[in-house]
Amino acid sequence: MKEYKENIVMHPAILWKRVLAYFIDMLIIGVITSPFSIGISNNNFSDMYTFFSSNLNLLRDLIAVEIVIAFVALLYFVLLEFKLGQTMGKMLLNIFVMPIDKAKGFTLNQIVLRNISKVFTLLLVIDTSYIFLRHTHQRYSEKISGTQVVQAFRRIL
């Protein structure tokens, strides 16, 4: 009887898994932060401008709420990735974050740096576009933080 060995090989995560994991995470963050968002209107820009220009205190409160939501989102990504190497979305899709230099492990600074763009939409778009320029499928913030999102494949030898 032939004996087989199992070998686990890491590869950059497939792009559609990364995108789906991000949307799952944003859905979870939306549920967590929904109590802060109650009362935020979906009116058009003109109506909102007129309303907020006559209610500056409410505008300040809304900005404060947005800052709290951004902080909660950043905390969600940083804590889960630092402690577990995965967010809930990544767990569901079996992908995770690893340091490029596996011998050193993560630092908190690396995790904050790789996730800071996720709370600024324009910065996230620019950061994510870098994926298409690299064969490693890394965002720019992942490259400078020395991290990558990977998925494991089992190979039987």
Protein backbone atom coordinates (compact mmCIF):
# COMPACT_ATOMS: atom_id res chain seq x y z
CA MET A 1 0.00 0.00 0.00
CA LYS A 2 1.38 3.37 -1.03
CA GLU A 3 1.63 6.07 1.64
CA TYR A 4 0.71 9.65 0.69
CA LYS A 5 1.98 12.83 2.26
CA GLU A 6 -0.03 16.00 2.43
CA ASN A 7 1.63 19.29 1.65
CA ILE A 8 -0.01 22.71 2.06
CA VAL A 9 0.94 25.33 -0.51
CA MET A 10 0.16 29.03 -0.14
CA HIS A 11 -0.79 31.17 -3.13
CA PRO A 12 -2.12 34.72 -3.46
CA ALA A 13 -5.87 34.70 -2.89
CA ILE A 14 -8.09 34.74 -5.95
CA LEU A 15 -9.41 38.24 -6.62
CA TRP A 16 -13.12 37.34 -6.54
CA LYS A 17 -12.65 35.81 -3.06
CA ARG A 18 -11.00 38.98 -1.81
CA VAL A 19 -13.78 41.17 -3.21
CA LEU A 20 -16.55 38.96 -1.82
CA ALA A 21 -14.83 38.80 1.59
CA TYR A 22 -14.64 42.60 1.65
CA PHE A 23 -18.36 42.96 0.86
CA ILE A 24 -19.24 40.42 3.56
CA ASP A 25 -17.11 42.39 6.03
CA MET A 26 -18.77 45.65 5.03
CA LEU A 27 -22.19 44.06 5.53
CA ILE A 28 -21.15 42.96 9.03
CA ILE A 29 -19.77 46.43 9.79
CA GLY A 30 -23.05 47.93 8.52
CA VAL A 31 -25.00 45.77 10.96
CA ILE A 32 -22.66 46.68 13.83
CA THR A 33 -22.82 50.41 13.10
CA SER A 34 -26.49 50.63 12.13
CA PRO A 35 -27.52 52.05 15.54
CA PHE A 36 -25.24 55.02 14.80
CA SER A 37 -26.79 55.55 11.36
CA ILE A 38 -30.44 55.82 12.38
CA GLY A 39 -31.93 59.01 11.02
CA ILE A 40 -29.37 59.59 8.27
CA SER A 41 -31.37 60.61 5.24
CA ASN A 42 -31.13 59.29 1.69
CA ASN A 43 -32.33 62.54 0.11
CA ASN A 44 -30.64 64.05 -2.90
CA PHE A 45 -27.63 66.33 -2.50
CA SER A 46 -29.54 69.58 -3.02
CA ASP A 47 -32.09 68.80 -0.31
CA MET A 48 -29.37 67.67 2.09
CA TYR A 49 -27.29 70.80 1.44
CA THR A 50 -30.26 73.05 2.14
CA PHE A 51 -31.14 71.10 5.28
CA PHE A 52 -27.60 70.99 6.72
CA SER A 53 -26.78 74.62 5.87
CA SER A 54 -29.64 75.66 8.14
CA ASN A 55 -28.77 73.02 10.81
CA LEU A 56 -25.01 73.25 11.35
CA ASN A 57 -25.15 71.52 14.73
CA LEU A 58 -26.78 68.51 13.13
CA LEU A 59 -24.10 68.53 10.44
CA ARG A 60 -21.40 68.41 13.13
CA ASP A 61 -23.21 65.51 14.77
CA LEU A 62 -23.41 63.68 11.45
CA ILE A 63 -19.67 64.15 10.87
CA ALA A 64 -19.01 62.82 14.37
CA VAL A 65 -21.16 59.76 13.60
CA GLU A 66 -19.23 59.16 10.36
CA ILE A 67 -15.93 59.35 12.27
CA VAL A 68 -17.23 56.81 14.82
CA ILE A 69 -18.34 54.47 12.00
CA ALA A 70 -14.91 54.77 10.31
CA PHE A 71 -13.19 54.04 13.62
CA VAL A 72 -15.38 50.97 14.26
CA ALA A 73 -14.66 49.70 10.73
CA LEU A 74 -10.91 50.16 11.18
CA LEU A 75 -11.08 48.48 14.60
CA TYR A 76 -12.98 45.52 13.10
CA PHE A 77 -10.34 44.92 10.40
CA VAL A 78 -7.32 45.56 12.63
CA LEU A 79 -8.39 43.49 15.64
CA LEU A 80 -9.53 40.46 13.69
CA GLU A 81 -6.55 40.42 11.34
CA PHE A 82 -4.04 41.03 14.13
CA LYS A 83 -5.47 38.37 16.46
CA LEU A 84 -6.77 35.78 13.96
CA GLY A 85 -5.18 36.64 10.61
CA GLN A 86 -8.70 36.79 9.15
CA THR A 87 -11.84 38.88 9.20
CA MET A 88 -15.24 37.18 9.21
CA GLY A 89 -15.48 37.54 5.43
CA LYS A 90 -12.05 36.01 4.94
CA MET A 91 -12.97 33.14 7.29
CA LEU A 92 -16.04 32.31 5.21
CA LEU A 93 -13.93 32.19 2.03
CA ASN A 94 -10.92 30.46 3.59
CA ILE A 95 -8.41 33.21 2.85
CA PHE A 96 -6.19 34.94 5.35
CA VAL A 97 -3.51 37.58 5.85
CA MET A 98 0.12 36.61 6.23
CA PRO A 99 3.28 38.62 6.67
CA ILE A 100 5.67 38.40 3.72
CA ASP A 101 8.43 37.61 6.21
CA LYS A 102 6.79 34.66 7.94
CA ALA A 103 9.62 34.31 10.47
CA LYS A 104 8.85 37.70 12.06
CA GLY A 105 5.06 37.47 12.30
CA PHE A 106 2.74 40.49 12.33
CA THR A 107 3.17 43.79 14.05
CA LEU A 108 0.20 45.96 14.92
CA ASN A 109 1.65 48.73 12.74
CA GLN A 110 1.63 46.42 9.71
CA ILE A 111 -2.04 45.59 10.22
CA VAL A 112 -3.06 49.22 10.73
CA LEU A 113 -1.08 50.29 7.66
CA ARG A 114 -2.64 47.61 5.44
CA ASN A 115 -6.19 48.58 6.56
CA ILE A 116 -6.12 52.37 6.86
CA SER A 117 -7.23 52.86 3.25
CA LYS A 118 -10.45 50.93 3.93
CA VAL A 119 -11.98 53.87 5.79
CA PHE A 120 -11.36 56.38 2.97
CA THR A 121 -13.21 55.48 -0.23
CA LEU A 122 -10.99 57.38 -2.69
CA LEU A 123 -7.83 56.06 -1.04
CA LEU A 124 -9.23 52.51 -1.18
CA VAL A 125 -9.94 52.82 -4.92
CA ILE A 126 -6.38 54.01 -5.58
CA ASP A 127 -4.92 51.39 -3.23
CA THR A 128 -6.94 48.55 -4.78
CA SER A 129 -6.08 49.52 -8.37
CA TYR A 130 -2.50 48.51 -7.58
CA ILE A 131 -3.66 44.85 -7.52
CA PHE A 132 -3.86 44.88 -11.31
CA LEU A 133 -0.25 46.05 -11.64
CA ARG A 134 1.31 43.25 -9.56
CA HIS A 135 1.48 39.52 -10.19
CA THR A 136 1.27 39.01 -6.40
CA HIS A 137 -2.25 40.53 -6.35
CA GLN A 138 -1.31 42.88 -3.49
CA ARG A 139 -2.86 46.25 -2.78
CA TYR A 140 -0.30 49.06 -2.44
CA SER A 141 -0.87 49.24 1.32
CA GLU A 142 -0.17 45.51 1.56
CA LYS A 143 3.08 45.93 -0.33
CA ILE A 144 4.35 48.72 1.94
CA SER A 145 3.14 46.90 5.08
CA GLY A 146 4.82 43.65 4.06
CA THR A 147 1.60 41.60 4.12
CA GLN A 148 -0.40 39.56 1.64
CA VAL A 149 -3.76 37.82 1.43
CA VAL A 150 -3.33 34.12 0.66
CA GLN A 151 -5.30 30.94 0.31
CA ALA A 152 -4.03 27.47 1.11
CA PHE A 153 -4.12 24.55 -1.28
CA ARG A 154 -3.59 20.98 -0.16
CA ARG A 155 -1.31 18.99 -2.36
CA ILE A 156 -1.01 15.24 -1.94
CA LEU A 157 2.42 13.87 -2.73
